[in-house]
C-alpha cells in the first residue's frame, strides 16, 4: 500500500511524540494502520509525504542510490539573481559536502492553501518563489542550499517525489497513490 499525504506545517513525520508539550503527529489524520513515512519532511515544511507498509518500496523511494527526484516550491527572502540560480544548478558546498546539481528556476507564486501560522510579511524585504528539484535528501538540504546562496527559505512545500504528485490534496488530506 502507498499513501500520498499532504503534511501540514507543524506536524511531525511520525505517529508519536514524547516531547513536552507534545507536537502534532501523523496519528491525527486517520491514516491506515501499519503505514510509516517513506522518508521525512521537516516539522516546518509542508507538502507531499509518502507512507507505506511495504519495506522494499520504502527503501526504493528513499535510498540515495535510486536518486528519486524531489521537487519543492520554495518561497525565499530576496530576489534571486542569475548567479544565485546558477550556483544552485551546479551544486552548493555545505558543511557535510557538496550537493548534487539541482534544477532551479524562478516561478510565479503557486496557488496554495494559507499557512497557519502565516509567513511573516515585511514590506521592505522582497520575496520570490523558486521551483527546486534535488536528487538527494540530506537533513534540511533545500533550506541550507538557499541560505548558502543568500536566499533564506520562508516557506517550503514538497510538490513531488519521483512520479508521485501532490495532486491538489489539501493540508491533512491523503489518498492511495
N, C-alpha and C. Protein backbone atom coordinates (compact mmCIF):
# COMPACT_ATOMS: atom_id res chain seq x y z
N UNK A 1 0.84 -1.17 0.00
CA UNK A 1 0.00 0.00 0.00
C UNK A 1 0.90 1.24 0.00
N UNK A 2 0.49 2.24 -0.78
CA UNK A 2 1.21 3.50 -0.82
C UNK A 2 0.21 4.63 -0.67
N UNK A 3 0.48 5.52 0.26
CA UNK A 3 -0.40 6.65 0.57
C UNK A 3 0.33 7.95 0.24
N UNK A 4 -0.35 8.85 -0.47
CA UNK A 4 0.15 10.21 -0.67
C UNK A 4 -0.58 11.10 0.33
N UNK A 5 0.17 11.82 1.13
CA UNK A 5 -0.37 12.64 2.22
C UNK A 5 0.18 14.05 2.09
N UNK A 6 -0.68 15.05 2.26
CA UNK A 6 -0.22 16.44 2.28
C UNK A 6 0.02 16.82 3.73
N UNK A 7 1.30 16.75 4.13
CA UNK A 7 1.66 17.05 5.52
C UNK A 7 1.54 18.55 5.77
N UNK A 8 0.74 18.93 6.75
CA UNK A 8 0.64 20.35 7.09
C UNK A 8 1.90 20.85 7.80
N UNK A 9 2.06 22.14 7.80
CA UNK A 9 3.11 22.81 8.58
C UNK A 9 2.91 22.45 10.06
N UNK A 10 4.00 22.21 10.77
CA UNK A 10 3.92 21.97 12.20
C UNK A 10 3.46 20.58 12.59
N UNK A 11 3.69 19.59 11.72
CA UNK A 11 3.34 18.20 12.02
C UNK A 11 4.61 17.36 11.87
N UNK A 12 4.85 16.48 12.85
CA UNK A 12 5.99 15.56 12.77
C UNK A 12 5.69 14.42 11.81
N UNK A 13 6.72 13.89 11.18
CA UNK A 13 6.58 12.74 10.25
C UNK A 13 6.65 11.42 11.00
N UNK A 14 6.01 11.35 12.13
CA UNK A 14 5.95 10.12 12.92
C UNK A 14 4.60 10.10 13.63
N UNK A 15 4.28 8.97 14.24
CA UNK A 15 2.96 8.80 14.84
C UNK A 15 2.92 9.10 16.33
N UNK A 16 4.08 9.25 16.96
CA UNK A 16 4.13 9.57 18.39
C UNK A 16 5.14 10.67 18.63
N UNK A 17 4.99 11.36 19.76
CA UNK A 17 5.94 12.39 20.16
C UNK A 17 6.00 12.40 21.68
N UNK A 18 7.21 12.29 22.20
CA UNK A 18 7.39 12.27 23.65
C UNK A 18 7.83 13.61 24.21
N UNK A 19 7.85 14.66 23.39
CA UNK A 19 8.29 15.96 23.89
C UNK A 19 7.20 16.59 24.74
N UNK A 20 7.58 17.60 25.48
CA UNK A 20 6.62 18.29 26.33
C UNK A 20 6.69 19.78 26.02
N UNK A 21 5.62 20.41 25.58
CA UNK A 21 4.33 19.78 25.27
C UNK A 21 4.43 18.96 23.98
N UNK A 22 3.57 17.95 23.83
CA UNK A 22 3.63 17.13 22.63
C UNK A 22 3.28 17.95 21.38
N UNK A 23 3.92 17.60 20.28
CA UNK A 23 3.65 18.25 19.00
C UNK A 23 2.67 17.40 18.19
N UNK A 24 2.08 18.01 17.17
CA UNK A 24 1.16 17.28 16.29
C UNK A 24 1.94 16.20 15.54
N UNK A 25 1.32 15.06 15.36
CA UNK A 25 1.93 13.94 14.65
C UNK A 25 0.99 13.42 13.57
N UNK A 26 1.43 12.42 12.84
CA UNK A 26 0.61 11.79 11.81
C UNK A 26 -0.60 11.06 12.38
N UNK A 27 -0.58 10.77 13.68
CA UNK A 27 -1.66 10.00 14.30
C UNK A 27 -3.02 10.69 14.19
N UNK A 28 -3.04 11.99 14.01
CA UNK A 28 -4.32 12.70 14.00
C UNK A 28 -5.00 12.83 12.65
N UNK A 29 -4.59 12.05 11.65
CA UNK A 29 -5.11 12.28 10.31
C UNK A 29 -5.84 11.08 9.71
N UNK A 30 -6.18 10.08 10.51
CA UNK A 30 -6.97 8.94 10.03
C UNK A 30 -6.28 8.10 8.97
N UNK A 31 -4.97 8.03 9.04
CA UNK A 31 -4.23 7.22 8.08
C UNK A 31 -4.44 5.73 8.37
N UNK A 32 -4.28 4.88 7.35
CA UNK A 32 -4.46 3.44 7.57
C UNK A 32 -3.45 2.92 8.61
N UNK A 33 -3.81 1.85 9.31
CA UNK A 33 -2.87 1.29 10.28
C UNK A 33 -1.66 0.66 9.59
N UNK A 34 -0.57 0.59 10.32
CA UNK A 34 0.64 -0.10 9.89
C UNK A 34 1.40 0.56 8.73
N UNK A 35 1.10 1.83 8.42
CA UNK A 35 1.92 2.54 7.44
C UNK A 35 2.91 3.41 8.20
N UNK A 36 4.01 3.73 7.53
CA UNK A 36 5.01 4.62 8.11
C UNK A 36 5.57 5.48 6.99
N UNK A 37 6.15 6.60 7.37
CA UNK A 37 6.67 7.55 6.39
C UNK A 37 7.86 6.95 5.65
N UNK A 38 7.81 7.03 4.33
CA UNK A 38 8.94 6.65 3.48
C UNK A 38 9.73 7.93 3.21
N UNK A 39 10.66 8.24 4.10
CA UNK A 39 11.38 9.49 4.04
C UNK A 39 10.85 10.46 5.07
N UNK A 40 11.36 11.67 5.01
CA UNK A 40 11.00 12.67 6.01
C UNK A 40 10.65 13.98 5.33
N UNK A 41 9.94 14.79 6.07
CA UNK A 41 9.66 16.16 5.70
C UNK A 41 9.69 16.93 7.01
N UNK A 42 10.52 17.95 7.08
CA UNK A 42 10.73 18.68 8.33
C UNK A 42 9.43 19.16 8.95
N UNK A 43 9.44 19.33 10.25
CA UNK A 43 8.33 19.84 11.04
C UNK A 43 7.79 21.14 10.45
N UNK A 44 8.69 22.02 9.98
CA UNK A 44 8.28 23.32 9.47
C UNK A 44 8.19 23.36 7.95
N UNK A 45 8.10 22.19 7.31
CA UNK A 45 7.89 22.09 5.87
C UNK A 45 6.53 21.45 5.63
N UNK A 46 6.02 21.62 4.43
CA UNK A 46 4.68 21.15 4.09
C UNK A 46 4.74 20.33 2.81
N UNK A 47 3.65 19.64 2.51
CA UNK A 47 3.52 19.02 1.21
C UNK A 47 3.59 17.51 1.21
N UNK A 48 3.96 16.97 0.06
CA UNK A 48 3.86 15.53 -0.19
C UNK A 48 4.76 14.71 0.72
N UNK A 49 4.12 13.78 1.41
CA UNK A 49 4.81 12.77 2.20
C UNK A 49 4.21 11.43 1.76
N UNK A 50 5.07 10.48 1.42
CA UNK A 50 4.59 9.15 1.05
C UNK A 50 4.68 8.24 2.27
N UNK A 51 3.65 7.43 2.47
CA UNK A 51 3.62 6.46 3.56
C UNK A 51 3.32 5.09 2.97
N UNK A 52 3.91 4.07 3.56
CA UNK A 52 3.72 2.72 3.03
C UNK A 52 3.81 1.70 4.16
N UNK A 53 3.32 0.50 3.87
CA UNK A 53 3.50 -0.64 4.76
C UNK A 53 4.47 -1.65 4.13
N UNK A 54 5.12 -1.25 3.03
CA UNK A 54 6.00 -2.12 2.26
C UNK A 54 7.45 -1.65 2.40
N UNK A 55 8.26 -2.41 3.14
CA UNK A 55 9.65 -2.03 3.39
C UNK A 55 10.48 -1.94 2.13
N UNK A 56 10.25 -2.82 1.16
CA UNK A 56 11.01 -2.80 -0.09
C UNK A 56 10.70 -1.52 -0.87
N UNK A 57 9.43 -1.16 -0.93
CA UNK A 57 9.03 0.07 -1.62
C UNK A 57 9.60 1.29 -0.89
N UNK A 58 9.53 1.30 0.42
CA UNK A 58 10.08 2.43 1.19
C UNK A 58 11.57 2.59 0.88
N UNK A 59 12.30 1.48 0.82
CA UNK A 59 13.72 1.53 0.50
C UNK A 59 13.95 2.11 -0.90
N UNK A 60 13.16 1.68 -1.86
CA UNK A 60 13.30 2.17 -3.23
C UNK A 60 13.01 3.68 -3.31
N UNK A 61 12.07 4.15 -2.52
CA UNK A 61 11.71 5.57 -2.54
C UNK A 61 12.74 6.44 -1.83
N UNK A 62 13.43 5.89 -0.85
CA UNK A 62 14.29 6.73 0.00
C UNK A 62 15.78 6.50 -0.16
N UNK A 63 16.21 5.36 -0.67
CA UNK A 63 17.64 5.09 -0.76
C UNK A 63 18.30 6.03 -1.77
N UNK A 64 19.37 6.71 -1.36
CA UNK A 64 20.03 7.66 -2.27
C UNK A 64 20.51 7.04 -3.58
N UNK A 65 20.77 5.74 -3.60
CA UNK A 65 21.22 5.10 -4.84
C UNK A 65 20.16 5.13 -5.93
N UNK A 66 18.88 5.24 -5.53
CA UNK A 66 17.79 5.30 -6.51
C UNK A 66 17.54 6.72 -6.99
N UNK A 67 18.05 7.71 -6.28
CA UNK A 67 18.02 9.12 -6.67
C UNK A 67 16.66 9.58 -7.20
N UNK A 68 15.61 9.32 -6.44
CA UNK A 68 14.28 9.80 -6.82
C UNK A 68 14.29 11.34 -6.79
N UNK A 69 13.91 12.00 -7.87
CA UNK A 69 13.86 13.46 -7.83
C UNK A 69 12.74 13.94 -6.90
N UNK A 70 13.05 14.95 -6.13
CA UNK A 70 12.07 15.56 -5.24
C UNK A 70 11.96 17.03 -5.63
N UNK A 71 10.75 17.48 -5.93
CA UNK A 71 10.55 18.86 -6.37
C UNK A 71 9.84 19.64 -5.28
N UNK A 72 10.39 20.83 -5.03
CA UNK A 72 9.88 21.72 -3.98
C UNK A 72 9.53 23.07 -4.56
N UNK A 73 8.50 23.68 -3.98
CA UNK A 73 8.21 25.09 -4.21
C UNK A 73 8.75 25.81 -2.99
N UNK A 74 9.62 26.76 -3.21
CA UNK A 74 10.34 27.41 -2.12
C UNK A 74 10.12 28.92 -2.19
N UNK A 75 9.51 29.46 -1.16
CA UNK A 75 9.41 30.91 -1.04
C UNK A 75 10.66 31.39 -0.32
N UNK A 76 11.41 32.27 -0.96
CA UNK A 76 12.66 32.75 -0.40
C UNK A 76 12.60 34.25 -0.14
N UNK A 77 13.42 34.67 0.80
CA UNK A 77 13.57 36.09 1.08
C UNK A 77 14.61 36.64 0.11
N UNK A 78 14.24 37.67 -0.63
CA UNK A 78 15.15 38.27 -1.59
C UNK A 78 14.73 38.00 -3.01
N UNK A 79 15.42 38.65 -3.93
CA UNK A 79 15.20 38.48 -5.37
C UNK A 79 16.33 37.63 -5.94
N UNK A 80 16.08 36.41 -6.39
CA UNK A 80 17.15 35.55 -6.89
C UNK A 80 17.83 36.14 -8.13
N UNK A 81 19.13 36.16 -8.10
CA UNK A 81 19.89 36.62 -9.26
C UNK A 81 20.24 35.41 -10.14
N UNK A 82 20.68 35.71 -11.36
CA UNK A 82 21.12 34.64 -12.26
C UNK A 82 22.27 33.86 -11.62
N UNK A 83 23.15 34.57 -10.91
CA UNK A 83 24.30 33.92 -10.27
C UNK A 83 23.86 32.97 -9.16
N UNK A 84 22.88 33.38 -8.37
CA UNK A 84 22.38 32.52 -7.30
C UNK A 84 21.73 31.27 -7.87
N UNK A 85 20.93 31.43 -8.92
CA UNK A 85 20.29 30.27 -9.56
C UNK A 85 21.35 29.35 -10.18
N UNK A 86 22.37 29.94 -10.80
CA UNK A 86 23.45 29.13 -11.39
C UNK A 86 24.18 28.33 -10.31
N UNK A 87 24.39 28.93 -9.15
CA UNK A 87 25.06 28.21 -8.06
C UNK A 87 24.22 27.00 -7.62
N UNK A 88 22.91 27.17 -7.51
CA UNK A 88 22.04 26.05 -7.14
C UNK A 88 22.11 24.96 -8.21
N UNK A 89 22.20 25.37 -9.46
CA UNK A 89 22.22 24.41 -10.58
C UNK A 89 23.53 23.64 -10.67
N UNK A 90 24.61 24.18 -10.12
CA UNK A 90 25.89 23.48 -10.21
C UNK A 90 26.24 22.72 -8.95
N UNK A 91 25.52 22.98 -7.86
CA UNK A 91 25.79 22.32 -6.59
C UNK A 91 26.36 23.31 -5.60
N UNK A 92 26.03 23.13 -4.34
CA UNK A 92 26.41 24.05 -3.28
C UNK A 92 27.31 23.31 -2.30
N UNK A 93 28.35 23.97 -1.84
CA UNK A 93 29.21 23.41 -0.80
C UNK A 93 28.55 23.66 0.55
N UNK A 94 28.15 22.58 1.21
CA UNK A 94 27.55 22.67 2.55
C UNK A 94 28.53 22.08 3.55
N UNK A 95 28.24 22.19 4.83
CA UNK A 95 29.17 21.67 5.85
C UNK A 95 29.32 20.15 5.79
N UNK A 96 28.41 19.44 5.15
CA UNK A 96 28.53 17.99 5.02
C UNK A 96 28.87 17.58 3.58
N UNK A 97 29.45 18.50 2.82
CA UNK A 97 29.90 18.20 1.46
C UNK A 97 29.10 18.92 0.40
N UNK A 98 29.53 18.75 -0.84
CA UNK A 98 28.90 19.41 -1.97
C UNK A 98 27.61 18.68 -2.36
N UNK A 99 26.58 19.46 -2.67
CA UNK A 99 25.33 18.87 -3.13
C UNK A 99 25.44 18.52 -4.60
N UNK A 100 24.60 17.61 -5.04
CA UNK A 100 24.48 17.35 -6.47
C UNK A 100 23.83 18.58 -7.12
N UNK A 101 24.04 18.77 -8.41
CA UNK A 101 23.36 19.87 -9.10
C UNK A 101 21.85 19.73 -8.95
N UNK A 102 21.17 20.87 -8.83
CA UNK A 102 19.72 20.90 -8.70
C UNK A 102 19.13 21.58 -9.93
N UNK A 103 17.90 21.25 -10.22
CA UNK A 103 17.15 22.04 -11.20
C UNK A 103 16.57 23.20 -10.41
N UNK A 104 16.82 24.42 -10.84
CA UNK A 104 16.33 25.59 -10.10
C UNK A 104 15.82 26.62 -11.10
N UNK A 105 14.61 27.12 -10.84
CA UNK A 105 14.06 28.17 -11.69
C UNK A 105 13.13 29.05 -10.86
N UNK A 106 13.03 30.30 -11.26
CA UNK A 106 12.03 31.19 -10.66
C UNK A 106 10.66 30.76 -11.14
N UNK A 107 9.66 31.00 -10.34
CA UNK A 107 8.28 30.68 -10.72
C UNK A 107 7.34 31.71 -10.13
N UNK A 108 6.16 31.80 -10.69
CA UNK A 108 5.12 32.63 -10.09
C UNK A 108 4.67 31.96 -8.79
N UNK A 109 4.15 32.75 -7.88
CA UNK A 109 3.65 32.19 -6.63
C UNK A 109 2.58 31.14 -6.93
N UNK A 110 2.74 29.92 -6.40
CA UNK A 110 1.74 28.88 -6.66
C UNK A 110 0.46 29.16 -5.89
N UNK A 111 -0.63 28.60 -6.38
CA UNK A 111 -1.92 28.70 -5.68
C UNK A 111 -1.90 27.67 -4.56
N UNK A 112 -1.61 28.13 -3.35
CA UNK A 112 -1.51 27.24 -2.19
C UNK A 112 -2.55 27.61 -1.14
N UNK A 113 -2.78 26.72 -0.23
CA UNK A 113 -3.60 26.94 0.94
C UNK A 113 -2.88 27.94 1.85
N UNK A 114 -3.63 28.64 2.68
CA UNK A 114 -2.98 29.53 3.65
C UNK A 114 -2.19 28.70 4.66
N UNK A 115 -1.06 29.21 5.07
CA UNK A 115 -0.27 28.51 6.08
C UNK A 115 -0.65 29.03 7.45
N UNK A 116 -0.72 28.14 8.42
CA UNK A 116 -1.03 28.51 9.80
C UNK A 116 0.12 28.07 10.70
N UNK A 117 0.90 29.02 11.25
CA UNK A 117 0.76 30.47 11.13
C UNK A 117 1.29 30.95 9.79
N UNK A 118 0.82 32.13 9.34
CA UNK A 118 1.28 32.64 8.05
C UNK A 118 2.76 33.01 8.09
N UNK A 119 3.37 33.02 6.90
CA UNK A 119 4.74 33.50 6.77
C UNK A 119 4.73 34.98 7.10
N UNK A 120 5.70 35.42 7.88
CA UNK A 120 5.78 36.83 8.27
C UNK A 120 6.04 37.68 7.03
N UNK A 121 5.21 38.67 6.82
CA UNK A 121 5.35 39.57 5.67
C UNK A 121 6.06 40.84 6.10
N UNK A 122 7.06 41.25 5.32
CA UNK A 122 7.76 42.50 5.60
C UNK A 122 7.75 43.34 4.34
N UNK A 123 7.18 44.53 4.42
CA UNK A 123 7.07 45.40 3.25
C UNK A 123 8.41 45.76 2.64
N UNK A 124 9.44 45.85 3.46
CA UNK A 124 10.74 46.32 2.99
C UNK A 124 11.62 45.20 2.44
N UNK A 125 11.18 43.96 2.55
CA UNK A 125 12.00 42.83 2.09
C UNK A 125 11.24 42.07 1.01
N UNK A 126 11.82 42.01 -0.18
CA UNK A 126 11.19 41.29 -1.28
C UNK A 126 11.25 39.79 -1.03
N UNK A 127 10.32 39.09 -1.64
CA UNK A 127 10.39 37.63 -1.62
C UNK A 127 10.06 37.12 -3.01
N UNK A 128 10.42 35.87 -3.27
CA UNK A 128 10.19 35.26 -4.57
C UNK A 128 9.98 33.77 -4.37
N UNK A 129 9.48 33.11 -5.41
CA UNK A 129 9.27 31.66 -5.38
C UNK A 129 10.22 30.99 -6.36
N UNK A 130 10.76 29.87 -5.93
CA UNK A 130 11.60 29.03 -6.78
C UNK A 130 10.99 27.64 -6.86
N UNK A 131 11.23 26.97 -7.98
CA UNK A 131 10.98 25.53 -8.06
C UNK A 131 12.36 24.89 -8.05
N UNK A 132 12.57 24.00 -7.10
CA UNK A 132 13.89 23.39 -6.91
C UNK A 132 13.70 21.87 -6.89
N UNK A 133 14.45 21.17 -7.74
CA UNK A 133 14.40 19.71 -7.78
C UNK A 133 15.77 19.18 -7.41
N UNK A 134 15.79 18.31 -6.39
CA UNK A 134 17.04 17.70 -5.94
C UNK A 134 16.92 16.18 -6.05
N UNK A 135 18.06 15.49 -6.03
CA UNK A 135 18.07 14.03 -6.14
C UNK A 135 18.77 13.39 -4.96
N UNK A 136 18.83 14.10 -3.87
CA UNK A 136 19.36 13.54 -2.62
C UNK A 136 18.46 14.06 -1.52
N UNK A 137 18.69 13.68 -0.29
CA UNK A 137 17.79 14.08 0.77
C UNK A 137 18.49 14.30 2.08
N UNK A 138 19.46 15.19 2.08
CA UNK A 138 20.16 15.48 3.33
C UNK A 138 19.26 16.27 4.27
N UNK A 139 19.63 16.26 5.53
CA UNK A 139 18.87 16.97 6.55
C UNK A 139 18.75 18.46 6.19
N UNK A 140 17.51 18.94 6.07
CA UNK A 140 17.20 20.35 5.79
C UNK A 140 17.97 20.88 4.57
N UNK A 141 18.15 20.02 3.59
CA UNK A 141 19.01 20.36 2.45
C UNK A 141 18.55 21.58 1.67
N UNK A 142 17.28 21.65 1.30
CA UNK A 142 16.81 22.77 0.50
C UNK A 142 17.00 24.08 1.26
N UNK A 143 16.65 24.10 2.52
CA UNK A 143 16.83 25.31 3.33
C UNK A 143 18.30 25.72 3.41
N UNK A 144 19.17 24.74 3.58
CA UNK A 144 20.60 25.05 3.68
C UNK A 144 21.14 25.53 2.33
N UNK A 145 20.66 24.96 1.24
CA UNK A 145 21.12 25.39 -0.09
C UNK A 145 20.71 26.82 -0.38
N UNK A 146 19.44 27.15 -0.14
CA UNK A 146 19.01 28.52 -0.44
C UNK A 146 19.70 29.53 0.48
N UNK A 147 19.89 29.16 1.74
CA UNK A 147 20.59 30.06 2.67
C UNK A 147 22.03 30.28 2.21
N UNK A 148 22.68 29.22 1.70
CA UNK A 148 24.08 29.32 1.28
C UNK A 148 24.27 30.30 0.13
N UNK A 149 23.24 30.52 -0.68
CA UNK A 149 23.35 31.48 -1.77
C UNK A 149 22.71 32.83 -1.42
N UNK A 150 22.37 33.01 -0.12
CA UNK A 150 21.84 34.29 0.33
C UNK A 150 20.35 34.48 0.14
N UNK A 151 19.62 33.38 0.05
CA UNK A 151 18.16 33.42 -0.12
C UNK A 151 17.49 32.56 0.95
N UNK A 152 17.34 33.08 2.17
CA UNK A 152 16.73 32.26 3.22
C UNK A 152 15.32 31.80 2.85
N UNK A 153 15.02 30.56 3.19
CA UNK A 153 13.70 29.98 2.91
C UNK A 153 12.68 30.50 3.91
N UNK A 154 11.55 30.95 3.39
CA UNK A 154 10.42 31.39 4.21
C UNK A 154 9.35 30.31 4.30
N UNK A 155 9.11 29.62 3.20
CA UNK A 155 8.10 28.56 3.14
C UNK A 155 8.60 27.50 2.19
N UNK A 156 8.38 26.23 2.57
CA UNK A 156 8.87 25.11 1.77
C UNK A 156 7.76 24.08 1.62
N UNK A 157 7.39 23.80 0.36
CA UNK A 157 6.31 22.86 0.07
C UNK A 157 6.84 21.83 -0.93
N UNK A 158 6.81 20.54 -0.53
CA UNK A 158 7.23 19.49 -1.47
C UNK A 158 6.07 19.18 -2.40
N UNK A 159 6.34 19.30 -3.70
CA UNK A 159 5.33 19.09 -4.73
C UNK A 159 5.30 17.66 -5.22
N UNK A 160 6.50 17.02 -5.33
CA UNK A 160 6.51 15.66 -5.88
C UNK A 160 7.74 14.89 -5.42
N UNK A 161 7.60 13.57 -5.49
CA UNK A 161 8.68 12.62 -5.24
C UNK A 161 8.60 11.62 -6.39
N UNK A 162 9.63 11.62 -7.26
CA UNK A 162 9.58 10.74 -8.42
C UNK A 162 8.29 10.99 -9.18
N UNK A 163 7.54 9.95 -9.51
CA UNK A 163 6.31 10.13 -10.28
C UNK A 163 5.09 10.54 -9.43
N UNK A 164 5.26 10.59 -8.11
CA UNK A 164 4.13 10.87 -7.23
C UNK A 164 4.00 12.38 -7.01
N UNK A 165 2.77 12.89 -7.14
CA UNK A 165 2.50 14.32 -7.09
C UNK A 165 1.57 14.66 -5.94
N UNK A 166 1.62 15.92 -5.53
CA UNK A 166 0.71 16.41 -4.50
C UNK A 166 -0.74 16.37 -5.00
N UNK A 167 -0.92 16.57 -6.29
CA UNK A 167 -2.24 16.40 -6.95
C UNK A 167 -3.38 17.15 -6.28
N UNK A 168 -3.17 18.36 -5.84
CA UNK A 168 -4.26 19.17 -5.31
C UNK A 168 -4.79 18.74 -3.95
N UNK A 169 -4.10 17.84 -3.26
CA UNK A 169 -4.53 17.45 -1.91
C UNK A 169 -4.44 18.65 -0.98
N UNK A 170 -5.45 18.88 -0.18
CA UNK A 170 -5.38 19.94 0.83
C UNK A 170 -4.57 19.48 2.02
N UNK A 171 -4.15 20.40 2.87
CA UNK A 171 -3.37 20.03 4.06
C UNK A 171 -4.11 19.00 4.92
N UNK A 172 -3.43 17.93 5.27
CA UNK A 172 -4.01 16.89 6.10
C UNK A 172 -4.79 15.84 5.33
N UNK A 173 -4.96 16.04 4.02
CA UNK A 173 -5.71 15.07 3.20
C UNK A 173 -4.75 14.02 2.64
N UNK A 174 -5.29 12.85 2.33
CA UNK A 174 -4.49 11.77 1.77
C UNK A 174 -5.34 10.91 0.84
N UNK A 175 -4.65 10.17 -0.02
CA UNK A 175 -5.30 9.17 -0.88
C UNK A 175 -4.31 8.07 -1.20
N UNK A 176 -4.83 6.94 -1.69
CA UNK A 176 -3.96 5.85 -2.13
C UNK A 176 -3.28 6.28 -3.42
N UNK A 177 -1.97 6.13 -3.45
CA UNK A 177 -1.21 6.57 -4.63
C UNK A 177 -1.09 5.45 -5.64
